[in-house]
N, C-alpha and C. Protein backbone atom coordinates (compact mmCIF):
# COMPACT_ATOMS: atom_id res chain seq x y z
N MET A 1 -9.31 4.36 -3.78
CA MET A 1 -8.18 4.88 -3.03
C MET A 1 -7.17 5.48 -4.01
N ASP A 2 -6.64 6.64 -3.68
CA ASP A 2 -5.70 7.27 -4.58
C ASP A 2 -4.29 6.68 -4.41
N TYR A 3 -3.45 6.97 -5.37
CA TYR A 3 -2.11 6.38 -5.36
C TYR A 3 -1.23 6.91 -4.23
N ARG A 4 -1.48 8.13 -3.81
CA ARG A 4 -0.69 8.67 -2.69
C ARG A 4 -0.94 7.83 -1.44
N LYS A 5 -2.20 7.47 -1.19
CA LYS A 5 -2.53 6.64 -0.03
C LYS A 5 -1.99 5.22 -0.21
N LYS A 6 -2.10 4.67 -1.42
CA LYS A 6 -1.58 3.33 -1.68
C LYS A 6 -0.07 3.28 -1.46
N LEU A 7 0.61 4.30 -1.96
CA LEU A 7 2.06 4.35 -1.79
C LEU A 7 2.42 4.45 -0.31
N GLY A 8 1.72 5.29 0.41
CA GLY A 8 1.98 5.44 1.85
C GLY A 8 1.73 4.15 2.60
N GLN A 9 0.64 3.46 2.28
CA GLN A 9 0.35 2.18 2.94
C GLN A 9 1.42 1.15 2.62
N ARG A 10 1.88 1.16 1.38
CA ARG A 10 2.90 0.20 0.98
C ARG A 10 4.22 0.46 1.72
N ILE A 11 4.59 1.71 1.85
CA ILE A 11 5.81 2.05 2.59
C ILE A 11 5.67 1.63 4.04
N ARG A 12 4.51 1.88 4.64
CA ARG A 12 4.26 1.46 6.02
C ARG A 12 4.40 -0.06 6.15
N GLU A 13 3.79 -0.78 5.22
CA GLU A 13 3.83 -2.24 5.24
C GLU A 13 5.28 -2.74 5.16
N LEU A 14 6.07 -2.16 4.27
CA LEU A 14 7.46 -2.58 4.10
C LEU A 14 8.30 -2.21 5.33
N ARG A 15 8.01 -1.06 5.91
CA ARG A 15 8.72 -0.65 7.13
C ARG A 15 8.44 -1.61 8.27
N LYS A 16 7.17 -1.94 8.46
CA LYS A 16 6.80 -2.85 9.54
C LYS A 16 7.38 -4.25 9.31
N LYS A 17 7.44 -4.64 8.06
CA LYS A 17 8.01 -5.95 7.73
C LYS A 17 9.48 -6.03 8.16
N ARG A 18 10.17 -4.89 8.13
CA ARG A 18 11.57 -4.84 8.57
C ARG A 18 11.67 -4.61 10.08
N GLY A 19 10.53 -4.45 10.75
CA GLY A 19 10.53 -4.28 12.20
C GLY A 19 10.96 -2.91 12.67
N LEU A 20 10.74 -1.92 11.85
CA LEU A 20 11.14 -0.55 12.20
C LEU A 20 9.93 0.29 12.58
N ARG A 21 10.15 1.21 13.52
CA ARG A 21 9.15 2.22 13.84
C ARG A 21 9.36 3.40 12.89
N GLN A 22 8.37 4.27 12.78
CA GLN A 22 8.51 5.44 11.91
C GLN A 22 9.73 6.26 12.28
N GLU A 23 9.96 6.44 13.57
CA GLU A 23 11.09 7.24 14.03
C GLU A 23 12.41 6.63 13.59
N GLN A 24 12.49 5.31 13.61
CA GLN A 24 13.72 4.64 13.20
C GLN A 24 13.95 4.80 11.70
N LEU A 25 12.89 4.64 10.91
CA LEU A 25 13.03 4.84 9.46
C LEU A 25 13.46 6.27 9.18
N ALA A 26 12.86 7.22 9.89
CA ALA A 26 13.22 8.62 9.70
C ALA A 26 14.70 8.85 10.01
N GLU A 27 15.15 8.33 11.14
CA GLU A 27 16.55 8.54 11.54
C GLU A 27 17.52 7.88 10.55
N LEU A 28 17.24 6.63 10.19
CA LEU A 28 18.13 5.91 9.28
C LEU A 28 18.13 6.50 7.88
N SER A 29 17.03 7.16 7.51
CA SER A 29 16.91 7.75 6.18
C SER A 29 17.30 9.22 6.15
N ASP A 30 17.59 9.78 7.33
CA ASP A 30 17.89 11.20 7.46
C ASP A 30 16.73 12.05 6.91
N VAL A 31 15.52 11.69 7.38
CA VAL A 31 14.29 12.36 6.99
C VAL A 31 13.56 12.74 8.28
N GLU A 32 12.84 13.82 8.26
CA GLU A 32 12.07 14.24 9.44
C GLU A 32 10.99 13.21 9.76
N PRO A 33 10.79 12.88 11.04
CA PRO A 33 9.74 11.93 11.41
C PRO A 33 8.35 12.35 10.92
N THR A 34 8.08 13.65 10.93
CA THR A 34 6.77 14.11 10.44
C THR A 34 6.62 13.84 8.94
N SER A 35 7.72 13.87 8.21
CA SER A 35 7.67 13.56 6.78
C SER A 35 7.30 12.10 6.55
N VAL A 36 7.90 11.21 7.34
CA VAL A 36 7.57 9.78 7.23
C VAL A 36 6.09 9.59 7.53
N SER A 37 5.62 10.21 8.59
CA SER A 37 4.21 10.10 8.97
C SER A 37 3.30 10.62 7.86
N ASN A 38 3.61 11.79 7.32
CA ASN A 38 2.79 12.37 6.26
C ASN A 38 2.78 11.50 5.00
N ILE A 39 3.90 10.88 4.69
CA ILE A 39 3.98 9.99 3.52
C ILE A 39 3.15 8.74 3.78
N GLU A 40 3.35 8.12 4.92
CA GLU A 40 2.63 6.88 5.22
C GLU A 40 1.12 7.09 5.35
N ASN A 41 0.71 8.27 5.77
CA ASN A 41 -0.71 8.56 5.90
C ASN A 41 -1.33 9.09 4.61
N GLY A 42 -0.54 9.16 3.55
CA GLY A 42 -1.06 9.57 2.26
C GLY A 42 -1.28 11.06 2.12
N ARG A 43 -0.71 11.85 2.99
CA ARG A 43 -0.85 13.30 2.88
C ARG A 43 0.14 13.88 1.88
N ASN A 44 1.31 13.26 1.77
CA ASN A 44 2.36 13.75 0.87
C ASN A 44 2.95 12.59 0.07
N TYR A 45 3.40 12.90 -1.13
CA TYR A 45 4.23 11.96 -1.89
C TYR A 45 5.66 12.14 -1.42
N PRO A 46 6.45 11.07 -1.40
CA PRO A 46 7.87 11.26 -1.09
C PRO A 46 8.59 11.81 -2.33
N SER A 47 9.62 12.60 -2.09
CA SER A 47 10.46 13.01 -3.22
C SER A 47 11.21 11.77 -3.71
N ILE A 48 11.76 11.83 -4.88
CA ILE A 48 12.51 10.68 -5.40
C ILE A 48 13.73 10.42 -4.52
N GLN A 49 14.32 11.48 -3.94
CA GLN A 49 15.47 11.31 -3.06
C GLN A 49 15.05 10.59 -1.76
N THR A 50 13.92 10.98 -1.21
CA THR A 50 13.42 10.33 0.01
C THR A 50 13.06 8.89 -0.27
N LEU A 51 12.41 8.65 -1.39
CA LEU A 51 12.05 7.29 -1.76
C LEU A 51 13.29 6.43 -1.91
N GLU A 52 14.33 6.98 -2.51
CA GLU A 52 15.58 6.24 -2.66
C GLU A 52 16.20 5.92 -1.29
N LYS A 53 16.12 6.84 -0.36
CA LYS A 53 16.63 6.59 0.99
C LYS A 53 15.84 5.46 1.67
N PHE A 54 14.52 5.50 1.54
CA PHE A 54 13.69 4.43 2.11
C PHE A 54 14.05 3.08 1.51
N ILE A 55 14.22 3.05 0.21
CA ILE A 55 14.56 1.81 -0.49
C ILE A 55 15.88 1.24 0.04
N ASN A 56 16.84 2.11 0.24
CA ASN A 56 18.14 1.66 0.75
C ASN A 56 18.04 1.15 2.18
N VAL A 57 17.34 1.88 3.02
CA VAL A 57 17.20 1.48 4.43
C VAL A 57 16.41 0.19 4.55
N LEU A 58 15.34 0.08 3.79
CA LEU A 58 14.47 -1.10 3.88
C LEU A 58 15.01 -2.30 3.10
N GLU A 59 16.09 -2.06 2.35
CA GLU A 59 16.73 -3.11 1.55
C GLU A 59 15.73 -3.80 0.63
N ILE A 60 15.06 -2.96 -0.17
CA ILE A 60 14.06 -3.43 -1.13
C ILE A 60 14.39 -2.86 -2.49
N SER A 61 13.67 -3.31 -3.49
CA SER A 61 13.87 -2.76 -4.83
C SER A 61 12.85 -1.66 -5.08
N PHE A 62 13.12 -0.86 -6.07
CA PHE A 62 12.20 0.21 -6.46
C PHE A 62 10.83 -0.36 -6.80
N SER A 63 10.82 -1.47 -7.52
CA SER A 63 9.54 -2.07 -7.92
C SER A 63 8.75 -2.62 -6.73
N ASP A 64 9.44 -3.04 -5.66
CA ASP A 64 8.75 -3.52 -4.45
C ASP A 64 7.82 -2.46 -3.88
N VAL A 65 8.23 -1.21 -3.97
CA VAL A 65 7.45 -0.12 -3.40
C VAL A 65 6.10 0.03 -4.12
N PHE A 66 6.07 -0.31 -5.39
CA PHE A 66 4.87 -0.07 -6.19
C PHE A 66 4.04 -1.33 -6.43
N GLN A 67 4.28 -2.36 -5.68
CA GLN A 67 3.47 -3.57 -5.78
C GLN A 67 2.32 -3.45 -4.78
N PHE A 68 1.28 -2.74 -5.19
CA PHE A 68 0.17 -2.44 -4.31
C PHE A 68 -0.82 -3.58 -4.16
N GLU A 69 -1.15 -4.23 -5.22
CA GLU A 69 -2.30 -5.13 -5.24
C GLU A 69 -2.06 -6.50 -4.62
N HIS A 70 -0.85 -6.98 -4.60
CA HIS A 70 -0.60 -8.37 -4.19
C HIS A 70 -0.88 -8.62 -2.71
N ASN A 71 -0.82 -7.59 -1.91
CA ASN A 71 -0.92 -7.81 -0.47
C ASN A 71 -1.89 -6.82 0.17
N ASN A 72 -3.02 -6.64 -0.46
CA ASN A 72 -4.00 -5.69 0.03
C ASN A 72 -4.64 -6.15 1.32
N GLN A 73 -5.00 -5.20 2.15
CA GLN A 73 -5.73 -5.49 3.38
C GLN A 73 -7.16 -5.87 3.01
N PRO A 74 -7.80 -6.74 3.80
CA PRO A 74 -9.16 -7.18 3.46
C PRO A 74 -10.16 -6.05 3.24
N GLU A 75 -10.08 -5.00 4.06
CA GLU A 75 -11.03 -3.90 3.88
C GLU A 75 -10.81 -3.18 2.55
N ASN A 76 -9.56 -3.09 2.12
CA ASN A 76 -9.27 -2.46 0.83
C ASN A 76 -9.73 -3.34 -0.32
N LEU A 77 -9.58 -4.65 -0.15
CA LEU A 77 -10.03 -5.57 -1.18
C LEU A 77 -11.54 -5.50 -1.34
N LEU A 78 -12.26 -5.42 -0.23
CA LEU A 78 -13.72 -5.29 -0.31
C LEU A 78 -14.13 -4.00 -1.01
N GLU A 79 -13.41 -2.95 -0.72
CA GLU A 79 -13.67 -1.67 -1.38
C GLU A 79 -13.45 -1.80 -2.89
N GLU A 80 -12.36 -2.45 -3.28
CA GLU A 80 -12.06 -2.64 -4.70
C GLU A 80 -13.12 -3.53 -5.37
N ILE A 81 -13.54 -4.58 -4.69
CA ILE A 81 -14.57 -5.48 -5.24
C ILE A 81 -15.86 -4.70 -5.45
N ASN A 82 -16.24 -3.88 -4.48
CA ASN A 82 -17.46 -3.08 -4.61
C ASN A 82 -17.37 -2.11 -5.79
N LYS A 83 -16.21 -1.52 -6.01
CA LYS A 83 -16.04 -0.63 -7.16
C LYS A 83 -16.24 -1.40 -8.47
N ILE A 84 -15.67 -2.58 -8.52
CA ILE A 84 -15.81 -3.41 -9.73
C ILE A 84 -17.27 -3.76 -9.96
N LEU A 85 -17.95 -4.17 -8.89
CA LEU A 85 -19.35 -4.55 -9.01
C LEU A 85 -20.22 -3.38 -9.45
N LYS A 86 -19.93 -2.19 -8.96
CA LYS A 86 -20.70 -1.01 -9.36
C LYS A 86 -20.49 -0.68 -10.83
N LYS A 87 -19.28 -0.91 -11.32
CA LYS A 87 -18.99 -0.64 -12.73
C LYS A 87 -19.56 -1.71 -13.65
N HIS A 88 -19.74 -2.94 -13.13
CA HIS A 88 -20.19 -4.06 -13.95
C HIS A 88 -21.33 -4.82 -13.27
N PRO A 89 -22.46 -4.17 -13.08
CA PRO A 89 -23.57 -4.84 -12.37
C PRO A 89 -24.07 -6.09 -13.09
N ASP A 90 -23.85 -6.16 -14.37
CA ASP A 90 -24.27 -7.34 -15.13
C ASP A 90 -23.42 -8.57 -14.80
N LYS A 91 -22.31 -8.39 -14.12
CA LYS A 91 -21.41 -9.50 -13.78
C LYS A 91 -21.58 -10.00 -12.34
N ILE A 92 -22.47 -9.39 -11.57
CA ILE A 92 -22.64 -9.76 -10.17
C ILE A 92 -22.95 -11.25 -10.02
N SER A 93 -23.83 -11.75 -10.85
CA SER A 93 -24.19 -13.16 -10.78
C SER A 93 -22.98 -14.06 -11.03
N ASP A 94 -22.20 -13.73 -12.03
CA ASP A 94 -21.00 -14.52 -12.35
C ASP A 94 -19.98 -14.48 -11.22
N ILE A 95 -19.78 -13.30 -10.66
CA ILE A 95 -18.82 -13.14 -9.57
C ILE A 95 -19.28 -13.91 -8.34
N TYR A 96 -20.57 -13.85 -8.07
CA TYR A 96 -21.12 -14.62 -6.96
C TYR A 96 -20.85 -16.11 -7.14
N LYS A 97 -21.06 -16.61 -8.33
CA LYS A 97 -20.84 -18.03 -8.60
C LYS A 97 -19.37 -18.41 -8.39
N ILE A 98 -18.49 -17.55 -8.79
CA ILE A 98 -17.05 -17.81 -8.62
C ILE A 98 -16.70 -17.85 -7.13
N ILE A 99 -17.18 -16.87 -6.40
CA ILE A 99 -16.89 -16.82 -4.96
C ILE A 99 -17.49 -18.03 -4.26
N LYS A 100 -18.72 -18.35 -4.61
CA LYS A 100 -19.39 -19.50 -4.00
C LYS A 100 -18.61 -20.79 -4.27
N ALA A 101 -18.10 -20.94 -5.50
CA ALA A 101 -17.33 -22.14 -5.84
C ALA A 101 -16.02 -22.20 -5.06
N LEU A 102 -15.43 -21.05 -4.79
CA LEU A 102 -14.17 -21.02 -4.05
C LEU A 102 -14.33 -21.40 -2.58
N VAL A 103 -15.44 -21.01 -1.98
CA VAL A 103 -15.60 -21.24 -0.55
C VAL A 103 -16.35 -22.52 -0.21
N ASP A 104 -17.03 -23.12 -1.17
CA ASP A 104 -17.76 -24.37 -0.92
C ASP A 104 -16.89 -25.59 -1.12
């Protein structure tokens, strides 16, 4: 997954955490609703000014926006695990043992 999509997903996650709809974030940030949609869907990067507006409205820190990995969706985690396994096929056995130990 590219960073534009990760950033958009993270902004969506933070917006929903605050209980806002896209239209509300757009209005409170003085940004076009289509811009919010395009950012959240990974079609566009936000400008630094737009990102600053989102940060202020969502009452978060700049670093909060870029914390992608800590709260990944299960389907994204599976995708990331598969990428790792493809890059390191010699580690599949070890990873299996770790997973097995965690769930047993």
